[in-house]
Amino acid sequence: MLGDPKSAYNVVPFPTNGGKDGLGAAEGPNEPPGGGGGGEDMEARVRVLETNIEYIRKGIEKIDASIETIRREIGDIRQTVNDFRQETTKEFGSIKTDIFVIKADMIHLAPKSYVVTAAVATIVAISVVLALLSHLGVLVTVAPK
């Protein structure tokens, strides 16, 4: 099989017998199949190749321009990420400071049991005052209709 790397016979002989083997042999031992010599046919093939190369060159230029655009955009994204990182670092730093200040203030506040006791005492005192005012007739209850 031609092109099979496992094959020991991976060589195609270059025809040199004047076309007697039916493979489109060349005119001489150093000329390509189909004859050599160039001529009009060669110029047409060269023009096609030059045209194709021009299209390839233009395609490569477009790819280069796209790559440059992508590089600029990546640079912009990196800058945005760095700016965001710096801003969030500052913000989190100030939040940490605020938390430490609040924590320090809470340590100096009265214990929870004292706060609960004071709140219950206040509610009891207000209830006693309202009961006294009601008993004295200052507060009048209205019956629901």
Foldseek 3Di string as FASTA:
>chain_A
DAPDPVDPPNDDDQDAPCCPVVPQHEPHDPAHRPYHDQPPVNVVVVVVVVVVVVVVVVVVVVVVVVVVVVVVVVVVVVVVVVVVVVVVVVVVVVVVVVVVVVVVVVVPDDDPVVVVVVVVVVVVVVVVVVVVCVVVPVDDDDDDD
